Amino acid sequence: MAGFDAGNIDETIHGRIRLGIMAYLGSVSPAGFTELANVLEATNGNLSVHLRKLEEAGYVSIEKGFEHRRPVTHVHLTEKGREAWSVYLDAIKPLFG
């Protein structure tokens, strides 16, 4: 595997749920919290923990509001997150030959 360096893997992104969040938001941003939970088959609590970690890294931003008097949460991929996602994909590309 010439060119692959495991040290270049961003551990913040690499967990299964966080990887799924980043992959989904890479094509659908913003996404609703419930939408993410359904797509990733994650519990609300588990998703919240992983979103917090990505938010602390500056990779996502969380927007809370109301639609039709119901609380809603939207998750946005930040510019820093988009850049980190691109770097992550470049880091794993050598694994695919």
PDB file of N, CA and C in Angstrom:
ATOM      1  N   MET A   1       0.831  -1.178   0.000  1.00  0.00           N
ATOM      2  CA  MET A   1       0.000   0.000   0.000  1.00  0.00           C
ATOM      3  C   MET A   1       0.874   1.240   0.000  1.00  0.00           C
ATOM      4  N   ALA A   2       1.500   1.471  -1.090  1.00  0.00           N
ATOM      5  CA  ALA A   2       2.363   2.633  -1.226  1.00  0.00           C
ATOM      6  C   ALA A   2       1.545   3.906  -1.056  1.00  0.00           C
ATOM      7  N   GLY A   3       2.062   4.819  -0.285  1.00  0.00           N
ATOM      8  CA  GLY A   3       1.404   6.099  -0.099  1.00  0.00           C
ATOM      9  C   GLY A   3       0.450   6.162   1.071  1.00  0.00           C
ATOM     10  N   PHE A   4       0.111   5.019   1.668  1.00  0.00           N
ATOM     11  CA  PHE A   4      -0.810   5.039   2.805  1.00  0.00           C
ATOM     12  C   PHE A   4      -0.036   5.224   4.097  1.00  0.00           C
ATOM     13  N   ASP A   5      -0.495   6.176   4.906  1.00  0.00           N
ATOM     14  CA  ASP A   5       0.098   6.438   6.208  1.00  0.00           C
ATOM     15  C   ASP A   5      -1.032   6.532   7.227  1.00  0.00           C
ATOM     16  N   ALA A   6      -1.158   5.515   8.073  1.00  0.00           N
ATOM     17  CA  ALA A   6      -2.237   5.476   9.065  1.00  0.00           C
ATOM     18  C   ALA A   6      -2.200   6.679   9.993  1.00  0.00           C
ATOM     19  N   GLY A   7      -1.039   7.285  10.137  1.00  0.00           N
ATOM     20  CA  GLY A   7      -0.924   8.473  10.980  1.00  0.00           C
ATOM     21  C   GLY A   7      -1.662   9.676  10.432  1.00  0.00           C
ATOM     22  N   ASN A   8      -2.052   9.623   9.163  1.00  0.00           N
ATOM     23  CA  ASN A   8      -2.785  10.725   8.547  1.00  0.00           C
ATOM     24  C   ASN A   8      -4.299  10.607   8.718  1.00  0.00           C
ATOM     25  N   ILE A   9      -4.751   9.539   9.368  1.00  0.00           N
ATOM     26  CA  ILE A   9      -6.187   9.340   9.568  1.00  0.00           C
ATOM     27  C   ILE A   9      -6.654  10.217  10.728  1.00  0.00           C
ATOM     28  N   ASP A  10      -7.655  11.038  10.474  1.00  0.00           N
ATOM     29  CA  ASP A  10      -8.230  11.928  11.486  1.00  0.00           C
ATOM     30  C   ASP A  10      -9.113  11.099  12.420  1.00  0.00           C
ATOM     31  N   GLU A  11      -8.662  10.906  13.644  1.00  0.00           N
ATOM     32  CA  GLU A  11      -9.398  10.080  14.613  1.00  0.00           C
ATOM     33  C   GLU A  11     -10.758  10.678  14.968  1.00  0.00           C
ATOM     34  N   THR A  12     -10.898  11.981  14.837  1.00  0.00           N
ATOM     35  CA  THR A  12     -12.194  12.608  15.126  1.00  0.00           C
ATOM     36  C   THR A  12     -13.242  12.133  14.134  1.00  0.00           C
ATOM     37  N   ILE A  13     -12.850  11.924  12.903  1.00  0.00           N
ATOM     38  CA  ILE A  13     -13.777  11.490  11.856  1.00  0.00           C
ATOM     39  C   ILE A  13     -13.912   9.974  11.810  1.00  0.00           C
ATOM     40  N   HIS A  14     -12.870   9.247  12.141  1.00  0.00           N
ATOM     41  CA  HIS A  14     -12.763   7.831  11.811  1.00  0.00           C
ATOM     42  C   HIS A  14     -13.760   6.888  12.497  1.00  0.00           C
ATOM     43  N   GLY A  15     -14.373   7.258  13.595  1.00  0.00           N
ATOM     44  CA  GLY A  15     -15.366   6.382  14.231  1.00  0.00           C
ATOM     45  C   GLY A  15     -16.560   6.151  13.317  1.00  0.00           C
ATOM     46  N   ARG A  16     -17.203   5.010  13.413  1.00  0.00           N
ATOM     47  CA  ARG A  16     -18.270   4.635  12.477  1.00  0.00           C
ATOM     48  C   ARG A  16     -19.374   5.685  12.373  1.00  0.00           C
ATOM     49  N   ILE A  17     -19.909   6.139  13.488  1.00  0.00           N
ATOM     50  CA  ILE A  17     -21.006   7.108  13.451  1.00  0.00           C
ATOM     51  C   ILE A  17     -20.504   8.451  12.925  1.00  0.00           C
ATOM     52  N   ARG A  18     -19.355   8.910  13.417  1.00  0.00           N
ATOM     53  CA  ARG A  18     -18.826  10.195  12.956  1.00  0.00           C
ATOM     54  C   ARG A  18     -18.466  10.141  11.469  1.00  0.00           C
ATOM     55  N   LEU A  19     -17.935   9.023  11.021  1.00  0.00           N
ATOM     56  CA  LEU A  19     -17.640   8.842   9.593  1.00  0.00           C
ATOM     57  C   LEU A  19     -18.930   8.936   8.789  1.00  0.00           C
ATOM     58  N   GLY A  20     -19.974   8.291   9.269  1.00  0.00           N
ATOM     59  CA  GLY A  20     -21.274   8.350   8.592  1.00  0.00           C
ATOM     60  C   GLY A  20     -21.843   9.756   8.555  1.00  0.00           C
ATOM     61  N   ILE A  21     -21.700  10.487   9.646  1.00  0.00           N
ATOM     62  CA  ILE A  21     -22.179  11.874   9.699  1.00  0.00           C
ATOM     63  C   ILE A  21     -21.459  12.705   8.649  1.00  0.00           C
ATOM     64  N   MET A  22     -20.140  12.599   8.631  1.00  0.00           N
ATOM     65  CA  MET A  22     -19.344  13.395   7.694  1.00  0.00           C
ATOM     66  C   MET A  22     -19.661  13.019   6.244  1.00  0.00           C
ATOM     67  N   ALA A  23     -19.794  11.730   5.972  1.00  0.00           N
ATOM     68  CA  ALA A  23     -20.102  11.276   4.614  1.00  0.00           C
ATOM     69  C   ALA A  23     -21.465  11.800   4.169  1.00  0.00           C
ATOM     70  N   TYR A  24     -22.442  11.709   5.057  1.00  0.00           N
ATOM     71  CA  TYR A  24     -23.788  12.162   4.707  1.00  0.00           C
ATOM     72  C   TYR A  24     -23.813  13.666   4.504  1.00  0.00           C
ATOM     73  N   LEU A  25     -23.201  14.403   5.436  1.00  0.00           N
ATOM     74  CA  LEU A  25     -23.202  15.858   5.321  1.00  0.00           C
ATOM     75  C   LEU A  25     -22.361  16.337   4.145  1.00  0.00           C
ATOM     76  N   GLY A  26     -21.445  15.499   3.672  1.00  0.00           N
ATOM     77  CA  GLY A  26     -20.665  15.858   2.492  1.00  0.00           C
ATOM     78  C   GLY A  26     -21.525  16.022   1.255  1.00  0.00           C
ATOM     79  N   SER A  27     -22.694  15.390   1.258  1.00  0.00           N
ATOM     80  CA  SER A  27     -23.584  15.514   0.105  1.00  0.00           C
ATOM     81  C   SER A  27     -24.928  16.146   0.454  1.00  0.00           C
ATOM     82  N   VAL A  28     -25.301  16.127   1.735  1.00  0.00           N
ATOM     83  CA  VAL A  28     -26.583  16.684   2.167  1.00  0.00           C
ATOM     84  C   VAL A  28     -26.330  17.560   3.387  1.00  0.00           C
ATOM     85  N   SER A  29     -26.152  18.844   3.165  1.00  0.00           N
ATOM     86  CA  SER A  29     -25.922  19.747   4.288  1.00  0.00           C
ATOM     87  C   SER A  29     -26.740  21.000   4.066  1.00  0.00           C
ATOM     88  N   PRO A  30     -27.602  21.359   4.990  1.00  0.00           N
ATOM     89  CA  PRO A  30     -27.756  20.755   6.302  1.00  0.00           C
ATOM     90  C   PRO A  30     -28.634  19.515   6.253  1.00  0.00           C
ATOM     91  N   ALA A  31     -28.569  18.761   7.340  1.00  0.00           N
ATOM     92  CA  ALA A  31     -29.433  17.594   7.511  1.00  0.00           C
ATOM     93  C   ALA A  31     -30.108  17.718   8.864  1.00  0.00           C
ATOM     94  N   GLY A  32     -31.318  17.244   8.940  1.00  0.00           N
ATOM     95  CA  GLY A  32     -32.035  17.252  10.201  1.00  0.00           C
ATOM     96  C   GLY A  32     -31.491  16.174  11.132  1.00  0.00           C
ATOM     97  N   PHE A  33     -31.589  16.425  12.423  1.00  0.00           N
ATOM     98  CA  PHE A  33     -31.113  15.473  13.424  1.00  0.00           C
ATOM     99  C   PHE A  33     -31.807  14.127  13.256  1.00  0.00           C
ATOM    100  N   THR A  34     -33.124  14.137  13.119  1.00  0.00           N
ATOM    101  CA  THR A  34     -33.883  12.894  12.975  1.00  0.00           C
ATOM    102  C   THR A  34     -33.497  12.168  11.695  1.00  0.00           C
ATOM    103  N   GLU A  35     -33.282  12.921  10.640  1.00  0.00           N
ATOM    104  CA  GLU A  35     -32.845  12.344   9.364  1.00  0.00           C
ATOM    105  C   GLU A  35     -31.505  11.621   9.535  1.00  0.00           C
ATOM    106  N   LEU A  36     -30.560  12.270  10.211  1.00  0.00           N
ATOM    107  CA  LEU A  36     -29.256  11.644  10.466  1.00  0.00           C
ATOM    108  C   LEU A  36     -29.409  10.383  11.307  1.00  0.00           C
ATOM    109  N   ALA A  37     -30.212  10.462  12.357  1.00  0.00           N
ATOM    110  CA  ALA A  37     -30.406   9.307  13.236  1.00  0.00           C
ATOM    111  C   ALA A  37     -30.968   8.127  12.438  1.00  0.00           C
ATOM    112  N   ASN A  38     -31.916   8.401  11.562  1.00  0.00           N
ATOM    113  CA  ASN A  38     -32.521   7.335  10.754  1.00  0.00           C
ATOM    114  C   ASN A  38     -31.541   6.752   9.753  1.00  0.00           C
ATOM    115  N   VAL A  39     -30.833   7.611   9.037  1.00  0.00           N
ATOM    116  CA  VAL A  39     -29.882   7.156   8.016  1.00  0.00           C
ATOM    117  C   VAL A  39     -28.771   6.327   8.641  1.00  0.00           C
ATOM    118  N   LEU A  40     -28.284   6.762   9.809  1.00  0.00           N
ATOM    119  CA  LEU A  40     -27.158   6.093  10.453  1.00  0.00           C
ATOM    120  C   LEU A  40     -27.589   4.969  11.394  1.00  0.00           C
ATOM    121  N   GLU A  41     -28.901   4.818  11.568  1.00  0.00           N
ATOM    122  CA  GLU A  41     -29.449   3.827  12.500  1.00  0.00           C
ATOM    123  C   GLU A  41     -28.821   3.988  13.883  1.00  0.00           C
ATOM    124  N   ALA A  42     -28.799   5.246  14.336  1.00  0.00           N
ATOM    125  CA  ALA A  42     -28.210   5.584  15.634  1.00  0.00           C
ATOM    126  C   ALA A  42     -29.308   6.053  16.581  1.00  0.00           C
ATOM    127  N   THR A  43     -29.105   5.804  17.858  1.00  0.00           N
ATOM    128  CA  THR A  43     -30.043   6.341  18.841  1.00  0.00           C
ATOM    129  C   THR A  43     -29.797   7.839  18.967  1.00  0.00           C
ATOM    130  N   ASN A  44     -30.784   8.555  19.466  1.00  0.00           N
ATOM    131  CA  ASN A  44     -30.641   9.998  19.641  1.00  0.00           C
ATOM    132  C   ASN A  44     -29.468  10.325  20.559  1.00  0.00           C
ATOM    133  N   GLY A  45     -29.337   9.573  21.648  1.00  0.00           N
ATOM    134  CA  GLY A  45     -28.252   9.817  22.598  1.00  0.00           C
ATOM    135  C   GLY A  45     -26.890   9.580  21.981  1.00  0.00           C
ATOM    136  N   ASN A  46     -26.754   8.481  21.263  1.00  0.00           N
ATOM    137  CA  ASN A  46     -25.489   8.146  20.620  1.00  0.00           C
ATOM    138  C   ASN A  46     -25.130   9.198  19.564  1.00  0.00           C
ATOM    139  N   LEU A  47     -26.094   9.587  18.757  1.00  0.00           N
ATOM    140  CA  LEU A  47     -25.862  10.599  17.732  1.00  0.00           C
ATOM    141  C   LEU A  47     -25.451  11.921  18.365  1.00  0.00           C
ATOM    142  N   SER A  48     -26.108  12.300  19.442  1.00  0.00           N
ATOM    143  CA  SER A  48     -25.782  13.552  20.137  1.00  0.00           C
ATOM    144  C   SER A  48     -24.337  13.585  20.601  1.00  0.00           C
ATOM    145  N   VAL A  49     -23.866  12.479  21.160  1.00  0.00           N
ATOM    146  CA  VAL A  49     -22.478  12.403  21.640  1.00  0.00           C
ATOM    147  C   VAL A  49     -21.503  12.595  20.489  1.00  0.00           C
ATOM    148  N   HIS A  50     -21.752  11.947  19.365  1.00  0.00           N
ATOM    149  CA  HIS A  50     -20.848  12.040  18.225  1.00  0.00           C
ATOM    150  C   HIS A  50     -20.907  13.421  17.564  1.00  0.00           C
ATOM    151  N   LEU A  51     -22.108  13.999  17.512  1.00  0.00           N
ATOM    152  CA  LEU A  51     -22.225  15.352  16.965  1.00  0.00           C
ATOM    153  C   LEU A  51     -21.477  16.356  17.836  1.00  0.00           C
ATOM    154  N   ARG A  52     -21.548  16.170  19.148  1.00  0.00           N
ATOM    155  CA  ARG A  52     -20.840  17.074  20.059  1.00  0.00           C
ATOM    156  C   ARG A  52     -19.337  17.033  19.796  1.00  0.00           C
ATOM    157  N   LYS A  53     -18.804  15.840  19.576  1.00  0.00           N
ATOM    158  CA  LYS A  53     -17.378  15.698  19.309  1.00  0.00           C
ATOM    159  C   LYS A  53     -16.997  16.397  18.003  1.00  0.00           C
ATOM    160  N   LEU A  54     -17.814  16.230  16.977  1.00  0.00           N
ATOM    161  CA  LEU A  54     -17.554  16.906  15.701  1.00  0.00           C
ATOM    162  C   LEU A  54     -17.724  18.414  15.824  1.00  0.00           C
ATOM    163  N   GLU A  55     -18.680  18.834  16.640  1.00  0.00           N
ATOM    164  CA  GLU A  55     -18.896  20.268  16.857  1.00  0.00           C
ATOM    165  C   GLU A  55     -17.710  20.882  17.611  1.00  0.00           C
ATOM    166  N   GLU A  56     -17.210  20.178  18.610  1.00  0.00           N
ATOM    167  CA  GLU A  56     -16.053  20.655  19.367  1.00  0.00           C
ATOM    168  C   GLU A  56     -14.826  20.797  18.477  1.00  0.00           C
ATOM    169  N   ALA A  57     -14.707  19.943  17.466  1.00  0.00           N
ATOM    170  CA  ALA A  57     -13.593  20.017  16.522  1.00  0.00           C
ATOM    171  C   ALA A  57     -13.813  21.120  15.478  1.00  0.00           C
ATOM    172  N   GLY A  58     -15.016  21.688  15.444  1.00  0.00           N
ATOM    173  CA  GLY A  58     -15.331  22.726  14.465  1.00  0.00           C
ATOM    174  C   GLY A  58     -15.753  22.183  13.118  1.00  0.00           C
ATOM    175  N   TYR A  59     -16.057  20.879  13.049  1.00  0.00           N
ATOM    176  CA  TYR A  59     -16.409  20.243  11.786  1.00  0.00           C
ATOM    177  C   TYR A  59     -17.890  20.388  11.425  1.00  0.00           C
ATOM    178  N   VAL A  60     -18.737  20.534  12.425  1.00  0.00           N
ATOM    179  CA  VAL A  60     -20.167  20.739  12.182  1.00  0.00           C
ATOM    180  C   VAL A  60     -20.657  21.883  13.055  1.00  0.00           C
ATOM    181  N   SER A  61     -21.756  22.479  12.631  1.00  0.00           N
ATOM    182  CA  SER A  61     -22.444  23.446  13.473  1.00  0.00           C
ATOM    183  C   SER A  61     -23.878  22.963  13.639  1.00  0.00           C
ATOM    184  N   ILE A  62     -24.421  23.235  14.803  1.00  0.00           N
ATOM    185  CA  ILE A  62     -25.765  22.783  15.151  1.00  0.00           C
ATOM    186  C   ILE A  62     -26.669  24.007  15.236  1.00  0.00           C
ATOM    187  N   GLU A  63     -27.784  23.946  14.549  1.00  0.00           N
ATOM    188  CA  GLU A  63     -28.758  25.034  14.545  1.00  0.00           C
ATOM    189  C   GLU A  63     -30.081  24.502  15.084  1.00  0.00           C
ATOM    190  N   LYS A  64     -30.529  25.087  16.178  1.00  0.00           N
ATOM    191  CA  LYS A  64     -31.803  24.667  16.767  1.00  0.00           C
ATOM    192  C   LYS A  64     -32.840  25.747  16.512  1.00  0.00           C
ATOM    193  N   GLY A  65     -34.042  25.307  16.217  1.00  0.00           N
ATOM    194  CA  GLY A  65     -35.110  26.257  15.945  1.00  0.00           C
ATOM    195  C   GLY A  65     -36.459  25.566  16.022  1.00  0.00           C
ATOM    196  N   PHE A  66     -37.442  26.203  15.421  1.00  0.00           N
ATOM    197  CA  PHE A  66     -38.799  25.662  15.407  1.00  0.00           C
ATOM    198  C   PHE A  66     -39.346  25.711  13.991  1.00  0.00           C
ATOM    199  N   GLU A  67     -40.064  24.675  13.618  1.00  0.00           N
ATOM    200  CA  GLU A  67     -40.815  24.625  12.371  1.00  0.00           C
ATOM    201  C   GLU A  67     -42.204  24.138  12.714  1.00  0.00           C
ATOM    202  N   HIS A  68     -43.205  24.950  12.368  1.00  0.00           N
ATOM    203  CA  HIS A  68     -44.592  24.601  12.682  1.00  0.00           C
ATOM    204  C   HIS A  68     -44.752  24.310  14.178  1.00  0.00           C
ATOM    205  N   ARG A  69     -44.114  25.148  14.994  1.00  0.00           N
ATOM    206  CA  ARG A  69     -44.184  25.062  16.457  1.00  0.00           C
ATOM    207  C   ARG A  69     -43.535  23.812  17.043  1.00  0.00           C
ATOM    208  N   ARG A  70     -42.776  23.111  16.251  1.00  0.00           N
ATOM    209  CA  ARG A  70     -42.080  21.915  16.735  1.00  0.00           C
ATOM    210  C   ARG A  70     -40.580  22.200  16.733  1.00  0.00           C
ATOM    211  N   PRO A  71     -39.890  21.748  17.774  1.00  0.00           N
ATOM    212  CA  PRO A  71     -38.445  21.961  17.800  1.00  0.00           C
ATOM    213  C   PRO A  71     -37.750  21.122  16.723  1.00  0.00           C
ATOM    214  N   VAL A  72     -36.792  21.731  16.048  1.00  0.00           N
ATOM    215  CA  VAL A  72     -36.010  21.028  15.035  1.00  0.00           C
ATOM    216  C   VAL A  72     -34.532  21.363  15.236  1.00  0.00           C
ATOM    217  N   THR A  73     -33.688  20.423  14.849  1.00  0.00           N
ATOM    218  CA  THR A  73     -32.248  20.617  14.910  1.00  0.00           C
ATOM    219  C   THR A  73     -31.683  20.308  13.541  1.00  0.00           C
ATOM    220  N   HIS A  74     -30.922  21.261  13.007  1.00  0.00           N
ATOM    221  CA  HIS A  74     -30.251  21.068  11.727  1.00  0.00           C
ATOM    222  C   HIS A  74     -28.748  21.021  11.964  1.00  0.00           C
ATOM    223  N   VAL A  75     -28.094  20.133  11.253  1.00  0.00           N
ATOM    224  CA  VAL A  75     -26.650  19.964  11.367  1.00  0.00           C
ATOM    225  C   VAL A  75     -26.025  20.387  10.045  1.00  0.00           C
ATOM    226  N   HIS A  76     -25.058  21.309  10.147  1.00  0.00           N
ATOM    227  CA  HIS A  76     -24.369  21.841   8.977  1.00  0.00           C
ATOM    228  C   HIS A  76     -22.909  21.398   8.992  1.00  0.00           C
ATOM    229  N   LEU A  77     -22.385  21.048   7.842  1.00  0.00           N
ATOM    230  CA  LEU A  77     -20.957  20.804   7.703  1.00  0.00           C
ATOM    231  C   LEU A  77     -20.289  22.165   7.542  1.00  0.00           C
ATOM    232  N   THR A  78     -19.333  22.486   8.392  1.00  0.00           N
ATOM    233  CA  THR A  78     -18.639  23.772   8.312  1.00  0.00           C
ATOM    234  C   THR A  78     -17.570  23.720   7.225  1.00  0.00           C
ATOM    235  N   GLU A  79     -17.012  24.867   6.919  1.00  0.00           N
ATOM    236  CA  GLU A  79     -15.916  24.913   5.947  1.00  0.00           C
ATOM    237  C   GLU A  79     -14.734  24.101   6.464  1.00  0.00           C
ATOM    238  N   LYS A  80     -14.449  24.230   7.763  1.00  0.00           N
ATOM    239  CA  LYS A  80     -13.366  23.443   8.371  1.00  0.00           C
ATOM    240  C   LYS A  80     -13.681  21.950   8.256  1.00  0.00           C
ATOM    241  N   GLY A  81     -14.949  21.589   8.458  1.00  0.00           N
ATOM    242  CA  GLY A  81     -15.364  20.192   8.336  1.00  0.00           C
ATOM    243  C   GLY A  81     -15.239  19.677   6.920  1.00  0.00           C
ATOM    244  N   ARG A  82     -15.598  20.508   5.956  1.00  0.00           N
ATOM    245  CA  ARG A  82     -15.491  20.124   4.544  1.00  0.00           C
ATOM    246  C   ARG A  82     -14.023  19.884   4.184  1.00  0.00           C
ATOM    247  N   GLU A  83     -13.155  20.749   4.688  1.00  0.00           N
ATOM    248  CA  GLU A  83     -11.720  20.592   4.438  1.00  0.00           C
ATOM    249  C   GLU A  83     -11.190  19.320   5.109  1.00  0.00           C
ATOM    250  N   ALA A  84     -11.588  19.080   6.353  1.00  0.00           N
ATOM    251  CA  ALA A  84     -11.147  17.880   7.078  1.00  0.00           C
ATOM    252  C   ALA A  84     -11.641  16.619   6.371  1.00  0.00           C
ATOM    253  N   TRP A  85     -12.851  16.651   5.847  1.00  0.00           N
ATOM    254  CA  TRP A  85     -13.416  15.505   5.123  1.00  0.00           C
ATOM    255  C   TRP A  85     -12.602  15.229   3.864  1.00  0.00           C
ATOM    256  N   SER A  86     -12.247  16.269   3.154  1.00  0.00           N
ATOM    257  CA  SER A  86     -11.438  16.123   1.945  1.00  0.00           C
ATOM    258  C   SER A  86     -10.062  15.536   2.271  1.00  0.00           C
ATOM    259  N   VAL A  87      -9.434  16.020   3.334  1.00  0.00           N
ATOM    260  CA  VAL A  87      -8.132  15.499   3.758  1.00  0.00           C
ATOM    261  C   VAL A  87      -8.256  14.036   4.164  1.00  0.00           C
ATOM    262  N   TYR A  88      -9.339  13.693   4.872  1.00  0.00           N
ATOM    263  CA  TYR A  88      -9.574  12.313   5.294  1.00  0.00           C
ATOM    264  C   TYR A  88      -9.680  11.400   4.073  1.00  0.00           C
ATOM    265  N   LEU A  89     -10.468  11.824   3.080  1.00  0.00           N
ATOM    266  CA  LEU A  89     -10.631  11.008   1.877  1.00  0.00           C
ATOM    267  C   LEU A  89      -9.308  10.831   1.139  1.00  0.00           C
ATOM    268  N   ASP A  90      -8.512  11.892   1.084  1.00  0.00           N
ATOM    269  CA  ASP A  90      -7.203  11.784   0.453  1.00  0.00           C
ATOM    270  C   ASP A  90      -6.296  10.807   1.212  1.00  0.00           C
ATOM    271  N   ALA A  91      -6.418  10.792   2.544  1.00  0.00           N
ATOM    272  CA  ALA A  91      -5.580   9.919   3.377  1.00  0.00           C
ATOM    273  C   ALA A  91      -5.905   8.440   3.161  1.00  0.00           C
ATOM    274  N   ILE A  92      -7.189   8.123   2.925  1.00  0.00           N
ATOM    275  CA  ILE A  92      -7.568   6.715   2.760  1.00  0.00           C
ATOM    276  C   ILE A  92      -7.551   6.256   1.299  1.00  0.00           C
ATOM    277  N   LYS A  93      -7.435   7.192   0.376  1.00  0.00           N
ATOM    278  CA  LYS A  93      -7.444   6.844  -1.055  1.00  0.00           C
ATOM    279  C   LYS A  93      -6.449   5.749  -1.430  1.00  0.00           C
ATOM    280  N   PRO A  94      -5.215   5.747  -0.888  1.00  0.00           N
ATOM    281  CA  PRO A  94      -4.265   4.686  -1.258  1.00  0.00           C
ATOM    282  C   PRO A  94      -4.744   3.277  -0.899  1.00  0.00           C
ATOM    283  N   LEU A  95      -5.680   3.158   0.019  1.00  0.00           N
ATOM    284  CA  LEU A  95      -6.206   1.839   0.398  1.00  0.00           C
ATOM    285  C   LEU A  95      -7.008   1.189  -0.735  1.00  0.00           C
ATOM    286  N   PHE A  96      -7.464   2.019  -1.664  1.00  0.00           N
ATOM    287  CA  PHE A  96      -8.321   1.524  -2.737  1.00  0.00           C
ATOM    288  C   PHE A  96      -7.583   1.326  -4.044  1.00  0.00           C
ATOM    289  N   GLY A  97      -6.249   1.391  -3.971  1.00  0.00           N
ATOM    290  CA  GLY A  97      -5.410   1.070  -5.107  1.00  0.00           C
ATOM    291  C   GLY A  97      -5.356   2.110  -6.140  1.00  0.00           C
TER     292      GLY A  97
END
